[in-house]
Amino acid sequence: MHLHKFEKIWLIFGIAMLAVFLGIVGVQAFTQGQTPAGGLKKIDPEKVDVTAPFDNPGVHQLNDDTYEVVIKAMAYGYEPSEIEVPAGKEIIFKVTSKDVIHSFTIPNTKVNMMIVPGQINEKSYTFKEPGTYLILCNEYCGTGHHFMHTEIEVVEE
């Protein structure tokens, strides 16, 4: 098989770019600890209700400056349905799903996670201002998807 000079050049260029791309991904993944956001811890989605910490959803104070909010996402709702946290403190959201893929999004913040059954997602955020923040599901999860939301009440300490 005969390849034209320019075909050889582009073939070599394409293979070199593929090698560079895979090399960059490999360096990021293995030497710099880049991993997918959350989802590295797994649980049985059929046993979410009896598996710690999801057997006790809600707000838990870890220390003076840190709170953990444990949330279960399920068809057309989040549990707990009422969440109150203090402003200016680090809030660690720990979320999983019991049934189908959901999302956990707080608009106008950096909190946006895809919630996959059996995976535990964590995201840390500090609310600077008190107020009411909406939590939405942006992943279509069934006919009642448009009802799936809740609110976080951020209060002054």
Protein backbone atom coordinates (compact mmCIF):
# COMPACT_ATOMS: atom_id res chain seq x y z
CA MET A 1 0.00 0.00 0.00
CA HIS A 2 1.38 3.34 -1.01
CA LEU A 3 0.80 6.43 1.15
CA HIS A 4 1.30 9.89 -0.18
CA LYS A 5 3.87 12.07 1.63
CA PHE A 6 1.17 14.38 3.07
CA GLU A 7 -0.92 11.40 4.21
CA LYS A 8 2.08 10.11 6.16
CA ILE A 9 2.63 13.54 7.74
CA TRP A 10 -1.02 13.84 8.85
CA LEU A 11 -1.09 10.24 10.07
CA ILE A 12 2.03 10.80 12.19
CA PHE A 13 0.62 14.13 13.44
CA GLY A 14 -2.70 12.49 14.41
CA ILE A 15 -1.03 9.63 16.27
CA ALA A 16 1.31 12.05 18.05
CA MET A 17 -1.63 14.25 19.16
CA LEU A 18 -3.49 11.19 20.43
CA ALA A 19 -0.41 10.17 22.44
CA VAL A 20 -0.05 13.71 23.84
CA PHE A 21 -3.73 13.82 24.82
CA LEU A 22 -3.61 10.42 26.54
CA GLY A 23 -0.36 11.42 28.25
CA ILE A 24 -1.95 14.59 29.66
CA VAL A 25 -4.98 12.67 30.92
CA GLY A 26 -2.72 10.05 32.47
CA VAL A 27 -0.57 12.61 34.25
CA GLN A 28 -3.66 14.42 35.58
CA ALA A 29 -5.32 11.22 36.75
CA PHE A 30 -2.41 9.37 38.30
CA THR A 31 0.17 11.89 39.46
CA GLN A 32 -1.95 14.89 40.40
CA GLY A 33 -4.88 13.02 41.95
CA GLN A 34 -7.55 14.31 39.57
CA THR A 35 -10.68 12.21 39.99
CA PRO A 36 -14.35 12.54 39.12
CA ALA A 37 -16.30 14.76 41.50
CA GLY A 38 -17.77 12.48 44.13
CA GLY A 39 -19.06 9.06 43.37
CA LEU A 40 -15.92 7.29 44.55
CA LYS A 41 -17.63 5.80 47.58
CA LYS A 42 -20.32 3.24 46.89
CA ILE A 43 -23.23 1.75 48.79
CA ASP A 44 -26.04 -0.65 47.93
CA PRO A 45 -28.87 1.54 46.58
CA GLU A 46 -31.43 -0.94 47.94
CA LYS A 47 -30.07 -0.46 51.48
CA VAL A 48 -29.68 3.33 51.56
CA ASP A 49 -32.22 3.67 54.40
CA VAL A 50 -30.23 1.38 56.70
CA THR A 51 -26.70 2.44 55.71
CA ALA A 52 -24.89 5.13 57.71
CA PRO A 53 -24.94 8.11 57.35
CA PHE A 54 -28.10 7.96 55.20
CA ASP A 55 -30.05 6.19 57.93
CA ASN A 56 -30.06 9.58 59.72
CA PRO A 57 -30.43 12.30 57.08
CA GLY A 58 -30.24 15.93 58.12
CA VAL A 59 -27.81 18.54 59.37
CA HIS A 60 -25.01 17.41 61.68
CA GLN A 61 -22.39 19.69 63.24
CA LEU A 62 -18.90 18.22 62.83
CA ASN A 63 -16.99 21.00 64.61
CA ASP A 64 -17.29 24.75 65.29
CA ASP A 65 -16.89 25.72 61.63
CA THR A 66 -18.14 22.68 59.70
CA TYR A 67 -21.56 21.11 59.19
CA GLU A 68 -22.48 17.98 57.26
CA VAL A 69 -25.81 17.79 55.43
CA VAL A 70 -26.78 14.19 54.61
CA ILE A 71 -29.44 14.00 51.88
CA LYS A 72 -31.22 11.14 50.12
CA ALA A 73 -32.58 11.83 46.63
CA MET A 74 -35.53 9.74 45.54
CA ALA A 75 -38.28 9.91 42.96
CA TYR A 76 -39.69 13.40 43.17
CA GLY A 77 -38.10 14.59 46.40
CA TYR A 78 -35.17 14.99 48.73
CA GLU A 79 -34.98 13.83 52.33
CA PRO A 80 -34.89 15.79 54.58
CA SER A 81 -37.30 18.25 53.05
CA GLU A 82 -36.31 21.09 55.41
CA ILE A 83 -32.66 22.11 55.82
CA GLU A 84 -31.35 24.96 57.95
CA VAL A 85 -27.64 25.84 58.09
CA PRO A 86 -25.66 28.84 59.40
CA ALA A 87 -24.12 31.42 57.08
CA GLY A 88 -20.33 31.65 56.96
CA LYS A 89 -19.70 28.02 57.92
CA GLU A 90 -18.42 25.23 55.69
CA ILE A 91 -21.27 22.96 54.65
CA ILE A 92 -20.40 19.48 53.36
CA PHE A 93 -23.25 18.03 51.32
CA LYS A 94 -23.28 14.22 51.24
CA VAL A 95 -25.88 12.95 48.77
CA THR A 96 -26.96 9.63 47.25
CA SER A 97 -29.93 8.30 45.30
CA LYS A 98 -32.21 5.41 46.15
CA ASP A 99 -33.73 4.80 42.74
CA VAL A 100 -32.71 6.60 39.53
CA ILE A 101 -30.22 9.24 38.43
CA HIS A 102 -30.97 12.68 39.86
CA SER A 103 -29.03 15.89 40.17
CA PHE A 104 -28.44 18.14 43.16
CA THR A 105 -28.10 21.74 42.03
CA ILE A 106 -28.18 24.94 44.06
CA PRO A 107 -28.53 27.78 41.52
CA ASN A 108 -25.99 30.64 41.69
CA THR A 109 -23.53 28.53 43.70
CA LYS A 110 -20.84 26.04 42.77
CA VAL A 111 -22.93 23.12 44.02
CA ASN A 112 -23.95 20.91 41.12
CA MET A 113 -23.72 17.12 41.36
CA MET A 114 -25.09 14.20 39.39
CA ILE A 115 -26.54 11.73 41.86
CA VAL A 116 -26.23 8.12 40.72
CA PRO A 117 -27.83 5.26 42.69
CA GLY A 118 -25.22 3.53 44.81
CA GLN A 119 -22.68 6.35 44.65
CA ILE A 120 -22.03 8.83 47.45
CA ASN A 121 -21.32 12.35 46.24
CA GLU A 122 -19.77 15.04 48.41
CA LYS A 123 -19.46 18.76 47.79
CA SER A 124 -18.34 21.49 50.17
CA TYR A 125 -19.73 25.02 50.06
CA THR A 126 -19.86 28.08 52.32
CA PHE A 127 -22.93 30.30 52.08
CA LYS A 128 -21.79 33.90 52.57
CA GLU A 129 -25.25 35.48 52.81
CA PRO A 130 -28.30 34.33 54.78
CA GLY A 131 -31.43 33.60 52.78
CA THR A 132 -33.43 30.85 51.15
CA TYR A 133 -31.64 28.79 48.51
CA LEU A 134 -33.45 26.47 46.13
CA ILE A 135 -32.26 22.90 45.48
CA LEU A 136 -33.25 21.56 42.06
CA CYS A 137 -33.04 18.29 40.18
CA ASN A 138 -31.82 18.98 36.63
CA GLU A 139 -31.85 15.34 35.55
CA TYR A 140 -35.18 14.06 34.23
CA CYS A 141 -36.23 11.35 36.67
CA GLY A 142 -39.83 10.59 35.72
CA THR A 143 -43.28 12.10 35.38
CA GLY A 144 -43.11 13.97 38.70
CA HIS A 145 -39.69 15.46 38.00
CA HIS A 146 -41.02 19.03 37.98
CA PHE A 147 -42.07 18.62 41.64
CA MET A 148 -38.54 17.65 42.74
CA HIS A 149 -37.11 20.56 44.66
CA THR A 150 -36.51 21.69 48.22
CA GLU A 151 -35.01 24.69 49.98
CA ILE A 152 -32.08 25.42 52.25
CA GLU A 153 -32.61 28.12 54.83
CA VAL A 154 -29.30 29.86 55.55
CA VAL A 155 -29.53 31.78 58.82
CA GLU A 156 -27.29 34.17 60.72
CA GLU A 157 -25.39 32.41 63.42
